[in-house]
Amino acid sequence: MASGVAISDEVVLAYNQIKIRRQGDDEKERYKLVMFCISENGKNIVINHDLSLKNKHIENEENVFKKIASMIPLKDCCYGLYDCNYATTESQKQTLIFIMSAPDNAPLKKKMLYASSKAALKQKLEGVSTEWQVNDCSDMEMAVLVDKLSGTKEKVISLEGKKV
């Protein structure tokens, strides 16, 4: 909490729900994308429900990645967790991706607050190893994320069911 911004219990609960699959849970109610923002008073990181998606919201989407990318604001800072499905030459995979969005045109003071709060948030989201930094439209391309996921020897061949 170097910036003085606390992480709400709701954020930790959402993280625990997105990272653990429990037998009997309704898959449609699982988060696919959960977005976080710093509250208006600047004291807490909270869920932005308007920008978050559950699996039921994307089940008829032709291009899930495009839908996910469209939820990331281009003029405001935010954080997110994305439950990403992809395939490599070896197997099907799922990973949680931490999103840090600090668009170039966002106010400098806000970008600094988000940057200084990021470490405390990531510490609460233990085990999330892939980070997707979004600063402008070019960062929202599928190829950028595929490059992040290709950090291993295995080549990514599809993302959210779409060939890359």
N, C-alpha and C. Protein backbone atom coordinates (compact mmCIF):
# COMPACT_ATOMS: atom_id res chain seq x y z
N MET A 1 0.83 -1.19 0.00
CA MET A 1 0.00 0.00 0.00
C MET A 1 0.87 1.25 0.00
N ALA A 2 1.91 1.28 -0.78
CA ALA A 2 2.83 2.40 -0.84
C ALA A 2 2.14 3.70 -1.23
N SER A 3 1.09 3.59 -2.04
CA SER A 3 0.38 4.78 -2.49
C SER A 3 -0.69 5.22 -1.50
N GLY A 4 -0.95 4.41 -0.48
CA GLY A 4 -2.01 4.71 0.46
C GLY A 4 -3.36 4.20 0.02
N VAL A 5 -3.41 3.47 -1.10
CA VAL A 5 -4.65 2.92 -1.62
C VAL A 5 -4.78 1.48 -1.14
N ALA A 6 -5.90 1.15 -0.50
CA ALA A 6 -6.14 -0.20 0.02
C ALA A 6 -6.85 -1.04 -1.03
N ILE A 7 -6.72 -2.35 -0.92
CA ILE A 7 -7.40 -3.28 -1.82
C ILE A 7 -8.64 -3.79 -1.09
N SER A 8 -9.80 -3.60 -1.69
CA SER A 8 -11.05 -4.01 -1.03
C SER A 8 -11.15 -5.53 -0.93
N ASP A 9 -11.90 -5.99 0.06
CA ASP A 9 -12.13 -7.43 0.23
C ASP A 9 -12.84 -8.02 -1.00
N GLU A 10 -13.67 -7.22 -1.66
CA GLU A 10 -14.39 -7.66 -2.85
C GLU A 10 -13.41 -8.04 -3.98
N VAL A 11 -12.31 -7.31 -4.09
CA VAL A 11 -11.30 -7.59 -5.10
C VAL A 11 -10.64 -8.94 -4.81
N VAL A 12 -10.28 -9.17 -3.56
CA VAL A 12 -9.65 -10.43 -3.17
C VAL A 12 -10.60 -11.59 -3.38
N LEU A 13 -11.87 -11.41 -3.04
CA LEU A 13 -12.87 -12.45 -3.25
C LEU A 13 -13.02 -12.78 -4.74
N ALA A 14 -13.08 -11.76 -5.58
CA ALA A 14 -13.20 -11.97 -7.03
C ALA A 14 -11.98 -12.72 -7.56
N TYR A 15 -10.81 -12.38 -7.06
CA TYR A 15 -9.59 -13.07 -7.47
C TYR A 15 -9.66 -14.55 -7.09
N ASN A 16 -10.08 -14.83 -5.88
CA ASN A 16 -10.18 -16.22 -5.44
C ASN A 16 -11.21 -16.99 -6.27
N GLN A 17 -12.28 -16.33 -6.67
CA GLN A 17 -13.31 -16.98 -7.48
C GLN A 17 -12.83 -17.24 -8.91
N ILE A 18 -12.05 -16.36 -9.46
CA ILE A 18 -11.60 -16.53 -10.85
C ILE A 18 -10.46 -17.55 -10.94
N LYS A 19 -9.66 -17.67 -9.89
CA LYS A 19 -8.49 -18.56 -9.98
C LYS A 19 -8.79 -20.02 -9.64
N ILE A 20 -9.85 -20.27 -8.88
CA ILE A 20 -10.13 -21.64 -8.44
C ILE A 20 -11.42 -22.13 -9.06
N ARG A 21 -11.34 -23.28 -9.71
CA ARG A 21 -12.53 -23.91 -10.26
C ARG A 21 -12.99 -24.97 -9.27
N ARG A 22 -14.21 -24.83 -8.83
CA ARG A 22 -14.77 -25.80 -7.88
C ARG A 22 -15.82 -26.64 -8.57
N GLN A 23 -15.79 -27.94 -8.29
CA GLN A 23 -16.77 -28.84 -8.86
C GLN A 23 -18.16 -28.39 -8.39
N GLY A 24 -19.08 -28.34 -9.31
CA GLY A 24 -20.45 -27.94 -8.99
C GLY A 24 -20.72 -26.46 -9.21
N ASP A 25 -19.67 -25.65 -9.40
CA ASP A 25 -19.88 -24.23 -9.68
C ASP A 25 -20.48 -24.06 -11.07
N ASP A 26 -21.31 -23.05 -11.22
CA ASP A 26 -21.91 -22.73 -12.52
C ASP A 26 -20.88 -21.98 -13.36
N GLU A 27 -20.38 -22.62 -14.40
CA GLU A 27 -19.33 -22.03 -15.26
C GLU A 27 -19.78 -20.70 -15.86
N LYS A 28 -21.06 -20.56 -16.16
CA LYS A 28 -21.56 -19.33 -16.76
C LYS A 28 -21.42 -18.13 -15.82
N GLU A 29 -21.39 -18.39 -14.52
CA GLU A 29 -21.30 -17.32 -13.53
C GLU A 29 -19.86 -16.97 -13.16
N ARG A 30 -18.90 -17.71 -13.71
CA ARG A 30 -17.48 -17.40 -13.44
C ARG A 30 -17.07 -16.15 -14.20
N TYR A 31 -16.19 -15.38 -13.58
CA TYR A 31 -15.64 -14.22 -14.28
C TYR A 31 -14.72 -14.68 -15.40
N LYS A 32 -14.86 -14.05 -16.54
CA LYS A 32 -13.91 -14.18 -17.64
C LYS A 32 -12.94 -13.00 -17.57
N LEU A 33 -13.48 -11.86 -17.20
CA LEU A 33 -12.70 -10.63 -17.06
C LEU A 33 -13.26 -9.86 -15.88
N VAL A 34 -12.41 -9.52 -14.96
CA VAL A 34 -12.84 -8.67 -13.85
C VAL A 34 -11.92 -7.45 -13.84
N MET A 35 -12.53 -6.28 -13.92
CA MET A 35 -11.78 -5.04 -13.99
C MET A 35 -11.85 -4.32 -12.65
N PHE A 36 -10.74 -3.70 -12.29
CA PHE A 36 -10.62 -2.97 -11.03
C PHE A 36 -10.26 -1.52 -11.31
N CYS A 37 -10.71 -0.64 -10.42
CA CYS A 37 -10.35 0.76 -10.52
C CYS A 37 -10.15 1.32 -9.11
N ILE A 38 -9.53 2.46 -9.04
CA ILE A 38 -9.38 3.14 -7.76
C ILE A 38 -10.64 3.96 -7.56
N SER A 39 -11.24 3.81 -6.38
CA SER A 39 -12.51 4.47 -6.08
C SER A 39 -12.41 5.99 -6.23
N GLU A 40 -13.56 6.63 -6.35
CA GLU A 40 -13.63 8.08 -6.53
C GLU A 40 -12.87 8.84 -5.44
N ASN A 41 -12.95 8.32 -4.21
CA ASN A 41 -12.27 9.01 -3.10
C ASN A 41 -10.78 8.69 -3.06
N GLY A 42 -10.30 7.80 -3.94
CA GLY A 42 -8.89 7.48 -4.03
C GLY A 42 -8.34 6.62 -2.91
N LYS A 43 -9.23 5.98 -2.14
CA LYS A 43 -8.78 5.22 -0.97
C LYS A 43 -8.74 3.72 -1.17
N ASN A 44 -9.49 3.19 -2.15
CA ASN A 44 -9.61 1.74 -2.32
C ASN A 44 -9.57 1.34 -3.78
N ILE A 45 -9.04 0.13 -4.02
CA ILE A 45 -9.17 -0.50 -5.33
C ILE A 45 -10.41 -1.37 -5.24
N VAL A 46 -11.35 -1.14 -6.17
CA VAL A 46 -12.64 -1.83 -6.15
C VAL A 46 -12.92 -2.43 -7.53
N ILE A 47 -13.91 -3.29 -7.60
CA ILE A 47 -14.33 -3.89 -8.88
C ILE A 47 -15.15 -2.87 -9.66
N ASN A 48 -14.86 -2.77 -10.95
CA ASN A 48 -15.69 -1.99 -11.86
C ASN A 48 -16.62 -3.00 -12.54
N HIS A 49 -17.82 -3.14 -12.00
CA HIS A 49 -18.76 -4.14 -12.50
C HIS A 49 -19.21 -3.86 -13.93
N ASP A 50 -19.22 -2.59 -14.34
CA ASP A 50 -19.64 -2.25 -15.70
C ASP A 50 -18.67 -2.77 -16.76
N LEU A 51 -17.41 -2.93 -16.40
CA LEU A 51 -16.41 -3.38 -17.36
C LEU A 51 -16.03 -4.85 -17.19
N SER A 52 -16.62 -5.52 -16.22
CA SER A 52 -16.31 -6.92 -15.96
C SER A 52 -17.26 -7.82 -16.74
N LEU A 53 -16.77 -9.00 -17.10
CA LEU A 53 -17.56 -9.96 -17.88
C LEU A 53 -17.54 -11.32 -17.22
N LYS A 54 -18.69 -11.96 -17.21
CA LYS A 54 -18.77 -13.35 -16.80
C LYS A 54 -18.88 -14.20 -18.05
N ASN A 55 -18.65 -15.50 -17.92
CA ASN A 55 -18.71 -16.39 -19.09
C ASN A 55 -20.05 -16.30 -19.80
N LYS A 56 -21.13 -16.08 -19.06
CA LYS A 56 -22.45 -15.99 -19.68
C LYS A 56 -22.55 -14.79 -20.63
N HIS A 57 -21.73 -13.78 -20.43
CA HIS A 57 -21.76 -12.58 -21.27
C HIS A 57 -21.04 -12.78 -22.60
N ILE A 58 -20.24 -13.83 -22.70
CA ILE A 58 -19.44 -14.03 -23.92
C ILE A 58 -19.76 -15.33 -24.65
N GLU A 59 -20.74 -16.08 -24.14
CA GLU A 59 -20.97 -17.41 -24.73
C GLU A 59 -21.39 -17.36 -26.19
N ASN A 60 -21.95 -16.26 -26.68
CA ASN A 60 -22.34 -16.17 -28.09
C ASN A 60 -21.41 -15.25 -28.89
N GLU A 61 -20.31 -14.84 -28.28
CA GLU A 61 -19.35 -13.96 -28.97
C GLU A 61 -18.56 -14.75 -30.01
N GLU A 62 -18.45 -14.19 -31.19
CA GLU A 62 -17.66 -14.82 -32.23
C GLU A 62 -16.17 -14.64 -31.97
N ASN A 63 -15.78 -13.47 -31.43
CA ASN A 63 -14.38 -13.20 -31.15
C ASN A 63 -14.25 -12.75 -29.70
N VAL A 64 -14.00 -13.69 -28.81
CA VAL A 64 -13.93 -13.41 -27.37
C VAL A 64 -12.80 -12.43 -27.07
N PHE A 65 -11.65 -12.60 -27.71
CA PHE A 65 -10.54 -11.69 -27.44
C PHE A 65 -10.92 -10.24 -27.75
N LYS A 66 -11.57 -10.01 -28.89
CA LYS A 66 -11.99 -8.65 -29.24
C LYS A 66 -12.93 -8.07 -28.19
N LYS A 67 -13.83 -8.89 -27.69
CA LYS A 67 -14.75 -8.45 -26.64
C LYS A 67 -13.98 -8.06 -25.38
N ILE A 68 -13.03 -8.90 -25.00
CA ILE A 68 -12.21 -8.61 -23.82
C ILE A 68 -11.47 -7.29 -24.02
N ALA A 69 -10.80 -7.14 -25.15
CA ALA A 69 -10.03 -5.93 -25.44
C ALA A 69 -10.93 -4.69 -25.46
N SER A 70 -12.16 -4.83 -25.93
CA SER A 70 -13.08 -3.69 -26.00
C SER A 70 -13.51 -3.19 -24.62
N MET A 71 -13.33 -4.00 -23.60
CA MET A 71 -13.73 -3.61 -22.25
C MET A 71 -12.65 -2.77 -21.55
N ILE A 72 -11.47 -2.73 -22.10
CA ILE A 72 -10.37 -1.96 -21.50
C ILE A 72 -10.50 -0.51 -21.95
N PRO A 73 -10.68 0.41 -21.01
CA PRO A 73 -10.87 1.82 -21.38
C PRO A 73 -9.62 2.40 -22.06
N LEU A 74 -9.84 3.23 -23.05
CA LEU A 74 -8.73 3.85 -23.78
C LEU A 74 -8.38 5.23 -23.25
N LYS A 75 -9.18 5.76 -22.31
CA LYS A 75 -8.93 7.11 -21.80
C LYS A 75 -8.81 7.16 -20.30
N ASP A 76 -8.83 6.01 -19.65
CA ASP A 76 -8.78 5.99 -18.20
C ASP A 76 -7.92 4.81 -17.74
N CYS A 77 -7.36 4.94 -16.57
CA CYS A 77 -6.53 3.87 -16.00
C CYS A 77 -7.40 2.81 -15.36
N CYS A 78 -6.90 1.59 -15.34
CA CYS A 78 -7.59 0.50 -14.65
C CYS A 78 -6.65 -0.69 -14.54
N TYR A 79 -7.07 -1.65 -13.74
CA TYR A 79 -6.40 -2.94 -13.63
C TYR A 79 -7.42 -4.00 -14.04
N GLY A 80 -6.96 -5.18 -14.33
CA GLY A 80 -7.89 -6.26 -14.63
C GLY A 80 -7.25 -7.62 -14.46
N LEU A 81 -8.12 -8.61 -14.41
CA LEU A 81 -7.71 -10.01 -14.43
C LEU A 81 -8.50 -10.69 -15.53
N TYR A 82 -7.81 -11.37 -16.39
CA TYR A 82 -8.41 -12.01 -17.56
C TYR A 82 -8.10 -13.50 -17.49
N ASP A 83 -9.15 -14.32 -17.48
CA ASP A 83 -9.01 -15.78 -17.48
C ASP A 83 -8.89 -16.21 -18.93
N CYS A 84 -7.66 -16.35 -19.38
CA CYS A 84 -7.35 -16.55 -20.80
C CYS A 84 -7.22 -18.04 -21.15
N ASN A 85 -7.89 -18.43 -22.23
CA ASN A 85 -7.77 -19.79 -22.78
C ASN A 85 -6.98 -19.71 -24.07
N TYR A 86 -5.99 -20.56 -24.18
CA TYR A 86 -5.21 -20.59 -25.41
C TYR A 86 -4.66 -21.99 -25.63
N ALA A 87 -4.17 -22.22 -26.83
CA ALA A 87 -3.59 -23.52 -27.16
C ALA A 87 -2.18 -23.30 -27.68
N THR A 88 -1.31 -24.22 -27.31
CA THR A 88 0.05 -24.23 -27.84
C THR A 88 0.18 -25.46 -28.72
N THR A 89 1.34 -25.63 -29.28
CA THR A 89 1.59 -26.82 -30.09
C THR A 89 1.54 -28.08 -29.24
N GLU A 90 1.64 -27.93 -27.92
CA GLU A 90 1.65 -29.07 -27.01
C GLU A 90 0.29 -29.38 -26.37
N SER A 91 -0.48 -28.33 -25.98
CA SER A 91 -1.71 -28.58 -25.22
C SER A 91 -2.60 -27.35 -25.11
N GLN A 92 -3.80 -27.56 -24.56
CA GLN A 92 -4.71 -26.46 -24.22
C GLN A 92 -4.25 -25.89 -22.88
N LYS A 93 -4.37 -24.58 -22.71
CA LYS A 93 -3.91 -23.95 -21.48
C LYS A 93 -4.89 -22.87 -21.04
N GLN A 94 -4.82 -22.60 -19.75
CA GLN A 94 -5.55 -21.48 -19.16
C GLN A 94 -4.59 -20.75 -18.24
N THR A 95 -4.65 -19.46 -18.26
CA THR A 95 -3.81 -18.68 -17.36
C THR A 95 -4.53 -17.38 -17.00
N LEU A 96 -4.23 -16.88 -15.83
CA LEU A 96 -4.74 -15.58 -15.42
C LEU A 96 -3.75 -14.52 -15.85
N ILE A 97 -4.26 -13.50 -16.50
CA ILE A 97 -3.42 -12.41 -16.98
C ILE A 97 -3.79 -11.15 -16.22
N PHE A 98 -2.80 -10.51 -15.64
CA PHE A 98 -2.98 -9.23 -14.96
C PHE A 98 -2.90 -8.14 -16.01
N ILE A 99 -3.90 -7.29 -16.04
CA ILE A 99 -3.94 -6.18 -17.00
C ILE A 99 -3.66 -4.88 -16.25
N MET A 100 -2.75 -4.10 -16.78
CA MET A 100 -2.49 -2.76 -16.26
C MET A 100 -2.69 -1.82 -17.43
N SER A 101 -3.71 -0.99 -17.32
CA SER A 101 -4.00 -0.04 -18.38
C SER A 101 -3.74 1.36 -17.86
N ALA A 102 -2.80 2.02 -18.50
CA ALA A 102 -2.47 3.42 -18.19
C ALA A 102 -2.29 4.14 -19.53
N PRO A 103 -3.41 4.45 -20.18
CA PRO A 103 -3.34 5.04 -21.51
C PRO A 103 -2.51 6.33 -21.53
N ASP A 104 -1.85 6.54 -22.64
CA ASP A 104 -0.99 7.72 -22.79
C ASP A 104 -1.75 9.02 -22.53
N ASN A 105 -3.04 9.05 -22.88
CA ASN A 105 -3.82 10.28 -22.73
C ASN A 105 -4.54 10.40 -21.39
N ALA A 106 -4.30 9.49 -20.46
CA ALA A 106 -4.88 9.59 -19.12
C ALA A 106 -4.12 10.68 -18.35
N PRO A 107 -4.78 11.30 -17.37
CA PRO A 107 -4.09 12.33 -16.57
C PRO A 107 -2.85 11.76 -15.88
N LEU A 108 -1.78 12.52 -15.88
CA LEU A 108 -0.51 12.08 -15.32
C LEU A 108 -0.64 11.70 -13.84
N LYS A 109 -1.35 12.49 -13.07
CA LYS A 109 -1.50 12.20 -11.64
C LYS A 109 -2.18 10.84 -11.43
N LYS A 110 -3.17 10.54 -12.26
CA LYS A 110 -3.87 9.26 -12.16
C LYS A 110 -2.95 8.11 -12.55
N LYS A 111 -2.17 8.29 -13.62
CA LYS A 111 -1.24 7.24 -14.04
C LYS A 111 -0.22 6.96 -12.94
N MET A 112 0.23 7.99 -12.27
CA MET A 112 1.19 7.81 -11.18
C MET A 112 0.56 7.07 -10.00
N LEU A 113 -0.69 7.37 -9.69
CA LEU A 113 -1.39 6.69 -8.59
C LEU A 113 -1.57 5.21 -8.91
N TYR A 114 -1.97 4.91 -10.13
CA TYR A 114 -2.14 3.51 -10.53
C TYR A 114 -0.80 2.77 -10.53
N ALA A 115 0.23 3.42 -11.03
CA ALA A 115 1.55 2.77 -11.06
C ALA A 115 2.06 2.49 -9.65
N SER A 116 1.84 3.42 -8.73
CA SER A 116 2.35 3.24 -7.37
C SER A 116 1.49 2.26 -6.56
N SER A 117 0.29 1.97 -6.99
CA SER A 117 -0.60 1.02 -6.30
C SER A 117 -0.50 -0.39 -6.87
N LYS A 118 0.10 -0.53 -8.03
CA LYS A 118 0.14 -1.81 -8.74
C LYS A 118 0.83 -2.91 -7.94
N ALA A 119 1.95 -2.62 -7.34
CA ALA A 119 2.70 -3.66 -6.61
C ALA A 119 1.89 -4.24 -5.47
N ALA A 120 1.18 -3.39 -4.73
CA ALA A 120 0.36 -3.88 -3.62
C ALA A 120 -0.77 -4.76 -4.12
N LEU A 121 -1.38 -4.39 -5.23
CA LEU A 121 -2.45 -5.20 -5.81
C LEU A 121 -1.91 -6.53 -6.29
N LYS A 122 -0.81 -6.51 -7.02
CA LYS A 122 -0.23 -7.77 -7.53
C LYS A 122 0.18 -8.70 -6.39
N GLN A 123 0.58 -8.13 -5.28
CA GLN A 123 0.95 -8.94 -4.12
C GLN A 123 -0.27 -9.69 -3.59
N LYS A 124 -1.44 -9.07 -3.64
CA LYS A 124 -2.68 -9.72 -3.22
C LYS A 124 -3.13 -10.78 -4.22
N LEU A 125 -2.72 -10.62 -5.47
CA LEU A 125 -3.10 -11.55 -6.54
C LEU A 125 -1.96 -12.54 -6.77
N GLU A 126 -1.56 -13.18 -5.71
CA GLU A 126 -0.43 -14.09 -5.70
C GLU A 126 -0.57 -15.19 -6.75
N GLY A 127 0.50 -15.39 -7.52
CA GLY A 127 0.51 -16.46 -8.49
C GLY A 127 0.19 -16.03 -9.92
N VAL A 128 -0.20 -14.78 -10.11
CA VAL A 128 -0.47 -14.30 -11.47
C VAL A 128 0.86 -13.87 -12.06
N SER A 129 1.30 -14.59 -13.08
CA SER A 129 2.65 -14.36 -13.59
C SER A 129 2.71 -13.56 -14.90
N THR A 130 1.62 -13.55 -15.65
CA THR A 130 1.63 -12.85 -16.94
C THR A 130 0.98 -11.48 -16.78
N GLU A 131 1.66 -10.46 -17.28
CA GLU A 131 1.12 -9.09 -17.22
C GLU A 131 0.98 -8.54 -18.62
N TRP A 132 -0.16 -7.92 -18.86
CA TRP A 132 -0.45 -7.29 -20.16
C TRP A 132 -0.58 -5.80 -19.90
N GLN A 133 0.40 -5.02 -20.35
CA GLN A 133 0.40 -3.56 -20.18
C GLN A 133 -0.26 -2.93 -21.39
N VAL A 134 -1.29 -2.11 -21.15
CA VAL A 134 -2.02 -1.46 -22.24
C VAL A 134 -1.86 0.04 -22.10
N ASN A 135 -1.18 0.65 -23.08
CA ASN A 135 -1.00 2.11 -23.08
C ASN A 135 -1.71 2.79 -24.24
N ASP A 136 -1.98 2.03 -25.30
CA ASP A 136 -2.71 2.59 -26.44
C ASP A 136 -3.34 1.45 -27.24
N CYS A 137 -4.01 1.78 -28.32
CA CYS A 137 -4.72 0.79 -29.14
C CYS A 137 -3.82 -0.32 -29.65
N SER A 138 -2.58 0.00 -29.98
CA SER A 138 -1.69 -1.01 -30.54
C SER A 138 -1.38 -2.12 -29.52
N ASP A 139 -1.47 -1.81 -28.23
CA ASP A 139 -1.22 -2.82 -27.19
C ASP A 139 -2.39 -3.79 -27.05
N MET A 140 -3.52 -3.47 -27.66
CA MET A 140 -4.73 -4.29 -27.53
C MET A 140 -4.86 -5.31 -28.66
N GLU A 141 -3.82 -5.43 -29.45
CA GLU A 141 -3.83 -6.40 -30.54
C GLU A 141 -3.56 -7.81 -30.01
N MET A 142 -4.16 -8.80 -30.65
CA MET A 142 -3.98 -10.18 -30.24
C MET A 142 -2.50 -10.57 -30.25
N ALA A 143 -1.76 -10.09 -31.23
CA ALA A 143 -0.35 -10.45 -31.36
C ALA A 143 0.46 -10.03 -30.14
N VAL A 144 0.11 -8.93 -29.51
CA VAL A 144 0.83 -8.46 -28.33
C VAL A 144 0.65 -9.46 -27.18
N LEU A 145 -0.59 -9.90 -26.97
CA LEU A 145 -0.85 -10.85 -25.89
C LEU A 145 -0.24 -12.22 -26.22
N VAL A 146 -0.33 -12.63 -27.46
CA VAL A 146 0.26 -13.92 -27.86
C VAL A 146 1.76 -13.90 -27.58
N ASP A 147 2.40 -12.77 -27.84
CA ASP A 147 3.83 -12.64 -27.58
C ASP A 147 4.13 -12.82 -26.08
N LYS A 148 3.28 -12.28 -25.23
CA LYS A 148 3.43 -12.44 -23.77
C LYS A 148 3.28 -13.91 -23.37
N LEU A 149 2.34 -14.59 -23.98
CA LEU A 149 2.08 -15.99 -23.66
C LEU A 149 3.12 -16.94 -24.24
N SER A 150 3.86 -16.48 -25.22
CA SER A 150 4.85 -17.32 -25.89
C SER A 150 6.20 -17.26 -25.19
N GLY A 151 6.22 -16.91 -23.94
CA GLY A 151 7.47 -16.84 -23.19
C GLY A 151 8.10 -18.19 -22.96
N THR A 152 7.34 -19.25 -23.16
CA THR A 152 7.88 -20.59 -23.00
C THR A 152 8.36 -21.10 -24.36
N LYS A 153 8.82 -22.32 -24.40
CA LYS A 153 9.29 -22.90 -25.66
C LYS A 153 8.12 -23.28 -26.57
N GLU A 154 6.93 -23.40 -25.98
CA GLU A 154 5.77 -23.81 -26.76
C GLU A 154 5.20 -22.63 -27.53
N LYS A 155 4.90 -22.83 -28.78
CA LYS A 155 4.34 -21.78 -29.63
C LYS A 155 2.82 -21.72 -29.45
N VAL A 156 2.28 -20.52 -29.24
CA VAL A 156 0.83 -20.33 -29.14
C VAL A 156 0.24 -20.42 -30.54
N ILE A 157 -0.78 -21.28 -30.69
CA ILE A 157 -1.40 -21.46 -32.01
C ILE A 157 -2.82 -20.91 -32.08
N SER A 158 -3.46 -20.75 -30.89
CA SER A 158 -4.79 -20.13 -30.89
C SER A 158 -5.03 -19.44 -29.55
N LEU A 159 -5.85 -18.41 -29.61
CA LEU A 159 -6.23 -17.64 -28.42
C LEU A 159 -7.74 -17.52 -28.43
N GLU A 160 -8.37 -18.02 -27.37
CA GLU A 160 -9.84 -17.99 -27.27
C GLU A 160 -10.50 -18.61 -28.49
N GLY A 161 -9.90 -19.68 -28.98
CA GLY A 161 -10.49 -20.42 -30.10
C GLY A 161 -10.19 -19.86 -31.47
N LYS A 162 -9.47 -18.76 -31.55
CA LYS A 162 -9.12 -18.16 -32.84
C LYS A 162 -7.66 -18.44 -33.15
N LYS A 163 -7.40 -18.92 -34.37
CA LYS A 163 -6.02 -19.18 -34.79
C LYS A 163 -5.24 -17.86 -34.80
N VAL A 164 -3.96 -17.97 -34.43
CA VAL A 164 -3.12 -16.76 -34.43
C VAL A 164 -2.08 -16.81 -35.53
